[in-house]
Amino acid sequence: MKIYYYKQQRNTFELFGKRSSPIKLRYLIIGVLALLVISLSVWKLKHSSTSQKIIEIPDQVQTSQPLSMQSTTLDEETQATSIKIQNNMEQNSQKNEENLKAEEPQTAPPSSSLENKTQTVTVRSKDTLGKIFSRMGINKNEAIQVIKINDDSKALKKLIPGQKITLSINNHSLQQMRYTIDPASTLIINRISDSKFQSQLKVANLEPHQSFTKFTVYGSVGSAARKAGLNGKRTTQLSTIFKNSIDFNKGNHTGDNVCVLFQDYYVGDKKVKEGEIVAAEYKTATNTYQAVRFTDPQGNSGYYSPDGTSMQKRFLPAPLKFTRISSLFNPKRWHPVLHRFRHHEGVDYAAPYGTPIKSVANGTIALLGRKGGYGNTIMIKHDSSYSTLYGHLSKYACGLKIGSQVQQGQLIGYVGSSGLATGPHLHFEFRINGVHRNPLTVALPSGKSITHACRNKFHIEVKKLLAKLDAHKNSNRG
């Protein structure tokens, strides 16, 4: 380090040290270092909260020793002084922390165990059962165990934001859980051993309440129905019931009269479930059409005319809304992927990727999975004679498996290009007794009529529903 001073005798600056002894230079350096250390310690002590300890620095340094020993002694003393200052600062800091802790209010440490704690939580957006368990301090692996108990507990895979879950916890383990799926259904989970749970689905008794509306068509049937109080679902249902009897896309329907009897379900005074149309009448200028809903002992429901004839055709003409038919039923078609002639035993409906696919009739799923060149495939048996196949799907509808019952018009999957396909489309096959038939030209059977075994029950239901319909129709309501 170069230090300059002004020398008055010569009016010049000289480098200090050229004429000075090494001892004086060492004194100066030691002094500067000591001042820096003292200043730093004083500054830190001033900023501490409580007691400070005065640090004693030797006033004089013995210089009676030889020059080399004197230098060594000074260095050792400087180091000792620095260490002493640092130790004093650390002791002061520890004492200050202890004093601060003593001044803080004493609180009980949080308990590491959650004993017999019951708490209700609200499901957040994008919540999973595992996330909720983690927030509540429950072992996350127990969420997987609970979901896998049975089909009822699978409802916990998709929690509904805003719903309530009540958890009983003991030592970070779930003891009981109650989840309100809807106002009529509550899922209860109980621990029965250290590693097992059981589930119970409690369903409240639903009370059916029937309502009535009537209207005259001005403009479209849909707009008139909505003005009369029918929501979108029931308006669509009404047109579906009568679509094989009335062409709603053609002709002028102004002046047509419609009566609808529909049903909802309540728990006490609260509506918890929307039901179906149970009876309806559509009167044009020339004809009157009536339909009633009937469920057979096997649980199959449908709409029938008063004489027991189905209002629906047994099969839909097509399983989806398509843009064009890209390939026809052809015993000798040139295959675009295999590049050879091959039987094409169905019809290819071109449609955008992800277009919904529906079952053309009631039935049971006989196959769901990969099937060679068909890719992702569903096969449905409609009875002992009729079956249909749906190929090249991108994915299946949720909840379906082999053995699942499906209804006509029910969503079963989505258009894709899995398997041997050059682009998104649905390959659709129609089979009678295992023999492939052209879906576009096959004679489709009419809807099933009421069986002989159910006729007595059916006629009792029809008489009751039509009497209610007439009573409301002739009243001033609607």
Protein backbone atom coordinates (compact mmCIF):
# COMPACT_ATOMS: atom_id res chain seq x y z
CA MET A 1 0.00 0.00 0.00
CA LYS A 2 1.41 3.38 -1.05
CA ILE A 3 0.92 6.26 1.41
CA TYR A 4 1.94 9.82 0.57
CA TYR A 5 2.50 12.79 2.86
CA TYR A 6 3.52 16.39 2.29
CA LYS A 7 6.99 17.37 3.30
CA GLN A 8 7.10 21.13 4.01
CA GLN A 9 10.89 21.49 3.98
CA ARG A 10 11.18 20.38 0.35
CA ASN A 11 7.64 21.24 -0.85
CA THR A 12 7.51 17.75 -2.37
CA PHE A 13 5.66 14.43 -1.80
CA GLU A 14 7.66 11.34 -0.83
CA LEU A 15 6.68 7.75 -0.51
CA PHE A 16 6.44 7.03 3.21
CA GLY A 17 8.74 4.23 4.00
CA LYS A 18 11.73 5.15 1.88
CA ARG A 19 13.19 7.03 4.81
CA SER A 20 11.24 5.33 7.59
CA SER A 21 12.11 2.15 9.43
CA PRO A 22 10.13 -1.12 8.85
CA ILE A 23 9.06 -1.08 12.52
CA LYS A 24 7.16 2.19 12.12
CA LEU A 25 5.44 0.89 9.03
CA ARG A 26 4.36 -2.28 10.85
CA TYR A 27 3.00 -0.20 13.76
CA LEU A 28 0.95 1.86 11.39
CA ILE A 29 -0.54 -1.19 9.65
CA ILE A 30 -1.39 -2.86 12.96
CA GLY A 31 -3.02 0.32 14.20
CA VAL A 32 -5.17 0.71 11.11
CA LEU A 33 -6.32 -2.92 11.32
CA ALA A 34 -7.10 -2.56 15.01
CA LEU A 35 -9.14 0.58 14.37
CA LEU A 36 -11.13 -1.19 11.64
CA VAL A 37 -11.87 -4.19 13.87
CA ILE A 38 -12.86 -1.97 16.80
CA SER A 39 -15.10 0.20 14.60
CA LEU A 40 -16.84 -2.86 13.18
CA SER A 41 -17.43 -4.41 16.61
CA VAL A 42 -18.72 -1.13 18.05
CA TRP A 43 -21.14 -0.71 15.14
CA LYS A 44 -22.51 -4.25 15.59
CA LEU A 45 -22.82 -3.86 19.35
CA LYS A 46 -24.73 -0.58 18.94
CA HIS A 47 -27.26 -2.40 16.76
CA SER A 48 -27.81 -5.23 19.21
CA SER A 49 -30.79 -4.99 21.60
CA THR A 50 -29.30 -5.53 25.06
CA SER A 51 -26.16 -5.91 27.09
CA GLN A 52 -22.81 -5.07 25.56
CA LYS A 53 -19.45 -6.07 26.88
CA ILE A 54 -16.55 -3.62 26.79
CA ILE A 55 -13.59 -5.01 24.90
CA GLU A 56 -10.22 -4.15 26.33
CA ILE A 57 -7.41 -3.50 23.91
CA PRO A 58 -3.85 -3.29 25.24
CA ASP A 59 -2.71 0.37 25.31
CA GLN A 60 0.90 -0.40 24.74
CA VAL A 61 2.86 -3.05 23.02
CA GLN A 62 6.18 -4.15 24.54
CA THR A 63 9.08 -3.30 22.22
CA SER A 64 11.97 -4.47 24.36
CA GLN A 65 12.26 -7.73 22.49
CA PRO A 66 14.43 -8.18 19.44
CA LEU A 67 13.06 -6.94 16.17
CA SER A 68 12.12 -10.34 14.70
CA MET A 69 10.48 -11.54 17.92
CA GLN A 70 8.73 -8.21 18.33
CA SER A 71 7.13 -8.57 14.88
CA THR A 72 5.98 -12.10 15.66
CA THR A 73 4.56 -11.07 19.01
CA LEU A 74 2.64 -8.19 17.48
CA ASP A 75 1.12 -10.48 14.86
CA GLU A 76 0.08 -13.05 17.46
CA GLU A 77 -1.42 -10.38 19.69
CA THR A 78 -3.34 -8.90 16.75
CA GLN A 79 -4.77 -12.33 15.89
CA ALA A 80 -5.63 -12.97 19.53
CA THR A 81 -7.38 -9.62 19.75
CA SER A 82 -9.43 -10.36 16.63
CA ILE A 83 -10.42 -13.80 17.95
CA LYS A 84 -11.36 -12.31 21.30
CA ILE A 85 -13.53 -9.68 19.62
CA GLN A 86 -15.26 -12.31 17.48
CA ASN A 87 -15.91 -14.57 20.49
CA ASN A 88 -17.35 -11.66 22.45
CA MET A 89 -19.62 -10.75 19.52
CA GLU A 90 -20.87 -14.35 19.24
CA GLN A 91 -21.55 -14.50 22.98
CA ASN A 92 -23.44 -11.22 22.85
CA SER A 93 -25.47 -12.44 19.87
CA GLN A 94 -26.40 -15.66 21.68
CA LYS A 95 -27.38 -13.72 24.80
CA ASN A 96 -29.51 -11.37 22.74
CA GLU A 97 -31.31 -14.28 21.09
CA GLU A 98 -31.92 -15.88 24.49
CA ASN A 99 -33.29 -12.59 25.83
CA LEU A 100 -35.60 -12.20 22.84
CA LYS A 101 -36.87 -15.77 23.23
CA ALA A 102 -37.51 -15.12 26.90
CA GLU A 103 -39.60 -12.07 26.01
CA GLU A 104 -41.74 -13.93 23.44
CA PRO A 105 -45.07 -15.37 24.67
CA GLN A 106 -44.82 -19.09 25.24
CA THR A 107 -47.09 -21.23 23.01
CA ALA A 108 -47.59 -24.96 23.05
CA PRO A 109 -45.81 -26.72 20.18
CA PRO A 110 -48.12 -28.14 17.52
CA SER A 111 -49.06 -31.70 18.19
CA SER A 112 -47.51 -34.19 15.82
CA SER A 113 -50.57 -36.41 16.07
CA LEU A 114 -54.16 -35.69 15.08
CA GLU A 115 -56.26 -37.62 17.57
CA ASN A 116 -60.01 -38.02 17.03
CA LYS A 117 -60.23 -34.93 14.85
CA THR A 118 -63.31 -34.39 12.67
CA GLN A 119 -63.30 -31.64 10.06
CA THR A 120 -65.41 -30.72 7.04
CA VAL A 121 -63.56 -29.43 3.97
CA THR A 122 -64.85 -27.91 0.75
CA VAL A 123 -63.61 -29.36 -2.54
CA ARG A 124 -61.55 -26.81 -4.47
CA SER A 125 -61.15 -26.49 -8.22
CA LYS A 126 -58.83 -29.22 -9.60
CA ASP A 127 -58.82 -30.96 -6.22
CA THR A 128 -58.14 -34.68 -5.95
CA LEU A 129 -58.69 -36.90 -2.93
CA GLY A 130 -54.92 -37.23 -2.60
CA LYS A 131 -54.46 -33.44 -2.45
CA ILE A 132 -57.16 -33.11 0.21
CA PHE A 133 -55.61 -35.91 2.30
CA SER A 134 -52.19 -34.21 2.07
CA ARG A 135 -53.63 -30.89 3.25
CA MET A 136 -55.29 -32.63 6.19
CA GLY A 137 -52.14 -34.54 7.17
CA ILE A 138 -53.51 -37.94 6.13
CA ASN A 139 -51.30 -40.53 4.47
CA LYS A 140 -51.72 -39.90 0.73
CA ASN A 141 -51.61 -43.63 -0.06
CA GLU A 142 -54.90 -44.10 1.79
CA ALA A 143 -56.64 -42.06 -0.93
CA ILE A 144 -55.73 -44.75 -3.49
CA GLN A 145 -57.04 -47.49 -1.17
CA VAL A 146 -60.34 -45.67 -0.66
CA ILE A 147 -60.98 -45.05 -4.36
CA LYS A 148 -60.35 -48.71 -5.21
CA ILE A 149 -62.84 -50.18 -2.70
CA ASN A 150 -65.66 -50.75 -5.24
CA ASP A 151 -67.66 -49.09 -8.03
CA ASP A 152 -69.39 -46.72 -5.59
CA SER A 153 -66.09 -45.33 -4.28
CA LYS A 154 -64.92 -44.58 -7.84
CA ALA A 155 -67.09 -41.46 -7.59
CA LEU A 156 -64.17 -40.03 -5.59
CA LYS A 157 -62.02 -39.96 -8.74
CA LYS A 158 -63.86 -36.87 -9.97
CA LEU A 159 -64.67 -34.58 -7.09
CA ILE A 160 -67.11 -31.75 -7.69
CA PRO A 161 -65.85 -28.29 -6.61
CA GLY A 162 -67.99 -26.85 -3.84
CA GLN A 163 -69.05 -30.23 -2.47
CA LYS A 164 -68.36 -31.08 1.18
CA ILE A 165 -66.22 -33.90 2.58
CA THR A 166 -66.25 -34.70 6.31
CA LEU A 167 -63.12 -36.48 7.56
CA SER A 168 -62.53 -38.19 10.90
CA ILE A 169 -58.79 -38.52 11.55
CA ASN A 170 -56.78 -40.29 14.24
CA ASN A 171 -52.98 -40.09 14.29
CA HIS A 172 -52.75 -39.14 10.58
CA SER A 173 -54.98 -42.08 9.59
CA LEU A 174 -58.46 -41.83 8.10
CA GLN A 175 -61.15 -43.37 10.29
CA GLN A 176 -64.30 -42.25 8.46
CA MET A 177 -65.24 -40.09 5.49
CA ARG A 178 -68.61 -38.77 4.29
CA TYR A 179 -68.92 -37.34 0.77
CA THR A 180 -72.20 -35.86 -0.48
CA ILE A 181 -72.29 -36.83 -4.16
CA ASP A 182 -75.60 -35.07 -4.74
CA PRO A 183 -78.53 -34.05 -2.52
CA ALA A 184 -79.90 -37.59 -2.71
CA SER A 185 -76.68 -39.64 -2.42
CA THR A 186 -74.00 -39.78 0.31
CA LEU A 187 -70.91 -42.01 0.18
CA ILE A 188 -69.64 -43.20 3.58
CA ILE A 189 -66.17 -44.74 4.01
CA ASN A 190 -65.25 -46.56 7.26
CA ARG A 191 -61.96 -48.11 8.36
CA ILE A 192 -62.51 -51.74 9.38
CA SER A 193 -58.86 -52.68 10.06
CA ASP A 194 -55.37 -51.23 9.88
CA SER A 195 -55.24 -51.77 6.13
CA LYS A 196 -58.87 -52.10 4.97
CA PHE A 197 -61.82 -49.81 4.33
CA GLN A 198 -65.45 -50.43 3.41
CA SER A 199 -67.88 -48.13 1.61
CA GLN A 200 -71.62 -47.59 1.85
CA LEU A 201 -73.78 -45.54 -0.52
CA LYS A 202 -76.82 -44.05 1.17
CA VAL A 203 -79.55 -42.92 -1.22
CA ALA A 204 -82.44 -40.88 0.12
CA ASN A 205 -86.00 -41.84 -0.77
CA LEU A 206 -86.93 -39.83 -3.85
CA GLU A 207 -90.50 -38.64 -4.16
CA PRO A 208 -91.75 -38.19 -7.75
CA HIS A 209 -93.64 -34.98 -8.51
CA GLN A 210 -95.43 -34.62 -11.84
CA SER A 211 -95.91 -31.30 -13.63
CA PHE A 212 -97.85 -30.30 -16.72
CA THR A 213 -97.56 -27.74 -19.49
CA LYS A 214 -99.39 -27.08 -22.74
CA PHE A 215 -98.80 -24.68 -25.60
CA THR A 216 -99.77 -23.78 -29.13
CA VAL A 217 -97.02 -23.60 -31.73
CA TYR A 218 -96.24 -20.22 -33.29
CA GLY A 219 -93.06 -20.33 -35.31
CA SER A 220 -90.85 -23.30 -34.39
CA VAL A 221 -91.83 -26.08 -32.03
CA GLY A 222 -88.59 -25.62 -30.06
CA SER A 223 -89.11 -21.92 -29.31
CA ALA A 224 -92.76 -22.52 -28.37
CA ALA A 225 -91.75 -25.36 -26.01
CA ARG A 226 -89.13 -23.22 -24.28
CA LYS A 227 -91.61 -20.38 -23.81
CA ALA A 228 -93.96 -22.88 -22.15
CA GLY A 229 -91.28 -23.74 -19.58
CA LEU A 230 -89.60 -26.83 -21.05
CA ASN A 231 -85.81 -26.72 -20.83
CA GLY A 232 -83.49 -27.71 -23.68
CA LYS A 233 -83.24 -31.35 -22.59
CA ARG A 234 -87.00 -31.86 -22.48
CA THR A 235 -87.54 -29.94 -25.73
CA THR A 236 -85.13 -32.33 -27.46
CA GLN A 237 -86.83 -35.27 -25.78
CA LEU A 238 -90.23 -34.12 -27.04
CA SER A 239 -89.04 -33.91 -30.65
CA THR A 240 -87.34 -37.32 -30.33
CA ILE A 241 -90.57 -38.96 -29.13
CA PHE A 242 -92.57 -37.81 -32.16
CA LYS A 243 -89.82 -37.58 -34.82
CA ASN A 244 -90.92 -40.82 -36.54
CA SER A 245 -94.50 -39.55 -36.75
CA ILE A 246 -93.94 -35.85 -37.50
CA ASP A 247 -91.26 -34.21 -39.66
CA PHE A 248 -90.40 -31.11 -37.65
CA ASN A 249 -88.01 -29.86 -40.35
CA LYS A 250 -90.69 -29.57 -43.00
CA GLY A 251 -94.09 -27.93 -43.22
CA ASN A 252 -95.75 -25.22 -41.20
CA HIS A 253 -96.52 -26.28 -37.64
CA THR A 254 -98.20 -23.04 -36.56
CA GLY A 255 -101.40 -23.85 -34.72
CA ASP A 256 -100.34 -27.31 -33.56
CA ASN A 257 -101.31 -28.03 -29.93
CA VAL A 258 -98.97 -29.82 -27.54
CA CYS A 259 -99.52 -31.17 -24.01
CA VAL A 260 -96.67 -32.54 -21.88
CA LEU A 261 -96.70 -34.34 -18.51
CA PHE A 262 -93.20 -34.62 -16.99
CA GLN A 263 -91.72 -35.82 -13.74
CA ASP A 264 -89.07 -34.59 -11.28
CA TYR A 265 -87.77 -36.09 -8.03
CA TYR A 266 -87.67 -34.42 -4.61
CA VAL A 267 -86.23 -35.04 -1.17
CA GLY A 268 -88.62 -33.16 1.09
CA ASP A 269 -89.26 -29.82 -0.57
CA LYS A 270 -86.00 -29.82 -2.53
CA LYS A 271 -85.76 -30.91 -6.16
CA VAL A 272 -82.74 -33.19 -6.49
CA LYS A 273 -83.17 -34.90 -9.86
CA GLU A 274 -84.74 -34.05 -13.19
CA GLY A 275 -86.93 -36.81 -14.54
CA GLU A 276 -88.35 -37.65 -17.95
CA ILE A 277 -91.45 -36.84 -19.95
CA VAL A 278 -93.99 -39.47 -18.86
CA ALA A 279 -96.79 -38.69 -21.31
CA ALA A 280 -97.30 -36.31 -24.24
CA GLU A 281 -99.83 -35.45 -26.92
CA TYR A 282 -99.16 -33.68 -30.21
CA LYS A 283 -102.18 -32.56 -32.23
CA THR A 284 -101.84 -31.31 -35.82
CA ALA A 285 -104.62 -30.08 -38.08
CA THR A 286 -105.25 -33.64 -39.29
CA ASN A 287 -103.91 -36.11 -36.67
CA THR A 288 -103.45 -36.61 -32.95
CA TYR A 289 -100.42 -38.53 -31.64
CA GLN A 290 -100.09 -39.75 -28.05
CA ALA A 291 -97.12 -41.34 -26.30
CA VAL A 292 -96.51 -42.73 -22.82
CA ARG A 293 -93.30 -43.84 -21.11
CA PHE A 294 -93.14 -47.43 -19.84
CA THR A 295 -90.42 -49.41 -18.07
CA ASP A 296 -90.49 -53.20 -18.26
CA PRO A 297 -89.46 -55.56 -15.40
CA GLN A 298 -85.92 -55.74 -16.84
CA GLY A 299 -85.51 -51.96 -16.49
CA ASN A 300 -85.77 -51.12 -20.21
CA SER A 301 -87.66 -47.88 -20.81
CA GLY A 302 -89.24 -46.51 -23.95
CA TYR A 303 -92.14 -44.52 -25.40
CA TYR A 304 -95.17 -46.30 -26.82
CA SER A 305 -98.44 -45.42 -28.46
CA PRO A 306 -101.55 -46.35 -26.41
CA ASP A 307 -101.85 -49.66 -28.32
CA GLY A 308 -98.32 -50.74 -27.24
CA THR A 309 -96.41 -49.97 -30.48
CA SER A 310 -92.99 -48.40 -29.96
CA MET A 311 -92.71 -44.74 -30.94
CA GLN A 312 -89.06 -45.29 -31.80
CA LYS A 313 -87.50 -47.24 -34.61
CA ARG A 314 -85.40 -49.98 -33.16
CA PHE A 315 -82.21 -48.78 -34.88
CA LEU A 316 -80.96 -45.30 -35.67
CA PRO A 317 -80.16 -44.78 -39.37
CA ALA A 318 -76.55 -43.74 -38.51
CA PRO A 319 -74.43 -43.70 -35.34
CA LEU A 320 -73.04 -40.15 -35.77
CA LYS A 321 -73.25 -36.84 -37.59
CA PHE A 322 -70.95 -37.36 -40.55
CA THR A 323 -69.66 -35.13 -43.35
CA ARG A 324 -69.64 -37.79 -46.07
CA ILE A 325 -69.44 -41.53 -46.70
CA SER A 326 -65.83 -42.17 -47.64
CA SER A 327 -66.17 -45.89 -48.38
CA LEU A 328 -69.21 -48.07 -49.13
CA PHE A 329 -69.99 -51.68 -48.26
CA ASN A 330 -68.05 -53.59 -50.93
CA PRO A 331 -66.99 -57.26 -51.17
CA LYS A 332 -64.00 -56.28 -53.38
CA ARG A 333 -62.59 -52.95 -52.30
CA TRP A 334 -59.02 -51.78 -52.94
CA HIS A 335 -57.59 -51.25 -49.44
CA PRO A 336 -55.80 -47.87 -49.20
CA VAL A 337 -53.28 -49.12 -46.60
CA LEU A 338 -52.71 -52.77 -47.55
CA HIS A 339 -52.82 -52.00 -51.31
CA ARG A 340 -54.79 -55.08 -52.26
CA PHE A 341 -58.42 -56.05 -52.84
CA ARG A 342 -60.21 -56.95 -49.66
CA HIS A 343 -63.77 -57.31 -48.39
CA HIS A 344 -65.05 -54.05 -46.90
CA GLU A 345 -67.83 -55.34 -44.68
CA GLY A 346 -69.15 -52.02 -43.45
CA VAL A 347 -69.52 -48.33 -44.19
CA ASP A 348 -66.91 -45.64 -43.48
CA TYR A 349 -68.35 -42.36 -42.22
CA ALA A 350 -65.84 -39.49 -42.58
CA ALA A 351 -66.08 -37.02 -39.70
CA PRO A 352 -63.77 -34.68 -37.77
CA TYR A 353 -61.50 -36.19 -35.15
CA GLY A 354 -63.35 -36.48 -31.83
CA THR A 355 -66.89 -36.49 -33.27
CA PRO A 356 -69.25 -38.26 -30.78
CA ILE A 357 -70.40 -41.78 -31.71
CA LYS A 358 -73.70 -43.17 -30.39
CA SER A 359 -75.14 -46.64 -30.08
CA VAL A 360 -77.75 -47.22 -32.80
CA ALA A 361 -79.93 -49.32 -30.47
CA ASN A 362 -80.25 -50.71 -26.95
CA GLY A 363 -77.85 -53.52 -26.20
CA THR A 364 -74.91 -54.96 -24.26
CA ILE A 365 -71.23 -54.27 -24.95
CA ALA A 366 -69.65 -57.55 -26.08
CA LEU A 367 -66.21 -56.20 -27.04
CA LEU A 368 -64.29 -53.09 -26.01
CA GLY A 369 -60.59 -52.81 -26.89
CA ARG A 370 -58.06 -53.20 -29.69
CA LYS A 371 -59.07 -55.47 -32.55
CA GLY A 372 -56.41 -55.77 -35.25
CA GLY A 373 -56.85 -53.36 -38.14
CA TYR A 374 -60.04 -51.98 -36.59
CA GLY A 375 -57.96 -50.29 -33.88
CA ASN A 376 -60.00 -49.20 -30.86
CA THR A 377 -63.28 -51.08 -31.30
CA ILE A 378 -66.68 -51.52 -29.66
CA MET A 379 -69.07 -54.34 -30.53
CA ILE A 380 -72.65 -54.25 -29.21
CA LYS A 381 -75.08 -57.20 -29.13
CA HIS A 382 -78.63 -55.91 -29.43
CA ASP A 383 -80.28 -59.32 -29.08
CA SER A 384 -79.64 -62.89 -30.20
CA SER A 385 -79.75 -61.85 -33.87
CA TYR A 386 -78.50 -58.27 -34.26
CA SER A 387 -75.08 -56.78 -33.49
CA THR A 388 -73.12 -53.70 -34.57
CA LEU A 389 -69.41 -52.84 -34.66
CA TYR A 390 -67.70 -49.43 -34.35
CA GLY A 391 -64.03 -49.21 -35.40
CA HIS A 392 -61.03 -46.80 -35.51
CA LEU A 393 -62.18 -44.91 -32.38
CA SER A 394 -59.87 -42.35 -30.78
CA LYS A 395 -61.20 -43.13 -27.30
CA TYR A 396 -64.16 -44.65 -25.48
CA ALA A 397 -66.86 -42.92 -23.45
CA CYS A 398 -66.21 -42.92 -19.70
CA GLY A 399 -67.56 -45.75 -17.59
CA LEU A 400 -68.02 -48.34 -20.34
CA LYS A 401 -66.75 -51.89 -20.08
CA ILE A 402 -67.61 -55.32 -21.44
CA GLY A 403 -71.07 -56.19 -20.14
CA SER A 404 -72.26 -52.58 -19.82
CA GLN A 405 -75.85 -51.91 -20.88
CA VAL A 406 -76.27 -49.07 -23.40
CA GLN A 407 -79.36 -47.29 -24.65
CA GLN A 408 -80.20 -46.14 -28.14
CA GLY A 409 -78.47 -42.82 -28.77
CA GLN A 410 -76.07 -43.21 -25.82
CA LEU A 411 -72.52 -41.88 -26.28
CA ILE A 412 -70.05 -44.76 -26.61
CA GLY A 413 -66.91 -43.19 -28.12
CA TYR A 414 -65.26 -40.68 -30.41
CA VAL A 415 -64.09 -40.69 -34.04
CA GLY A 416 -60.40 -41.39 -34.56
CA SER A 417 -57.94 -43.11 -36.88
CA SER A 418 -56.61 -45.99 -34.78
CA GLY A 419 -55.70 -49.23 -36.53
CA LEU A 420 -55.37 -49.37 -40.33
CA ALA A 421 -56.79 -45.96 -41.22
CA THR A 422 -55.58 -43.13 -43.44
CA GLY A 423 -57.63 -40.46 -41.67
CA PRO A 424 -60.33 -39.89 -39.04
CA HIS A 425 -63.52 -41.83 -39.76
CA LEU A 426 -65.88 -44.39 -38.24
CA HIS A 427 -66.00 -47.90 -39.67
CA PHE A 428 -69.53 -49.19 -38.94
CA GLU A 429 -70.75 -52.76 -39.43
CA PHE A 430 -74.24 -54.24 -39.13
CA ARG A 431 -74.59 -58.00 -38.61
CA ILE A 432 -77.62 -60.29 -38.55
CA ASN A 433 -76.91 -63.75 -37.10
CA GLY A 434 -73.20 -63.07 -37.60
CA VAL A 435 -73.55 -62.22 -41.32
CA HIS A 436 -72.43 -58.77 -42.49
CA ARG A 437 -75.16 -56.65 -44.09
CA ASN A 438 -74.98 -53.30 -45.85
CA PRO A 439 -75.94 -50.74 -43.16
CA LEU A 440 -77.32 -48.38 -45.82
CA THR A 441 -79.72 -50.85 -47.43
CA VAL A 442 -80.57 -53.41 -44.74
CA ALA A 443 -84.24 -53.55 -43.74
CA LEU A 444 -84.21 -52.25 -40.18
CA PRO A 445 -86.72 -53.84 -37.81
CA SER A 446 -89.38 -51.65 -36.26
CA GLY A 447 -89.38 -50.91 -32.57
CA LYS A 448 -90.43 -53.67 -30.26
CA SER A 449 -94.02 -53.66 -29.10
CA ILE A 450 -95.03 -54.37 -25.52
CA THR A 451 -94.61 -58.07 -24.78
CA HIS A 452 -97.62 -60.19 -23.87
CA ALA A 453 -96.33 -60.64 -20.32
CA CYS A 454 -96.28 -56.86 -19.76
CA ARG A 455 -99.52 -55.93 -21.51
CA ASN A 456 -101.75 -55.85 -18.44
CA LYS A 457 -99.34 -53.67 -16.49
CA PHE A 458 -98.83 -51.45 -19.54
CA HIS A 459 -102.54 -50.83 -20.11
CA ILE A 460 -103.02 -49.91 -16.44
CA GLU A 461 -100.19 -47.36 -16.71
CA VAL A 462 -101.52 -45.96 -20.00
CA LYS A 463 -105.02 -45.47 -18.62
CA LYS A 464 -103.68 -43.65 -15.56
CA LEU A 465 -101.30 -41.34 -17.48
CA LEU A 466 -103.74 -40.42 -20.25
CA ALA A 467 -106.38 -39.60 -17.63
CA LYS A 468 -103.94 -37.17 -15.97
CA LEU A 469 -103.04 -35.70 -19.35
CA ASP A 470 -106.71 -35.13 -20.22
CA ALA A 471 -107.45 -33.61 -16.82
CA HIS A 472 -104.65 -31.06 -17.18
CA LYS A 473 -105.42 -30.44 -20.84
CA ASN A 474 -109.03 -29.55 -20.11
CA SER A 475 -108.16 -27.34 -17.14
CA ASN A 476 -107.19 -23.67 -17.31
CA ARG A 477 -103.52 -24.43 -16.52
CA GLY A 478 -100.75 -24.12 -19.10
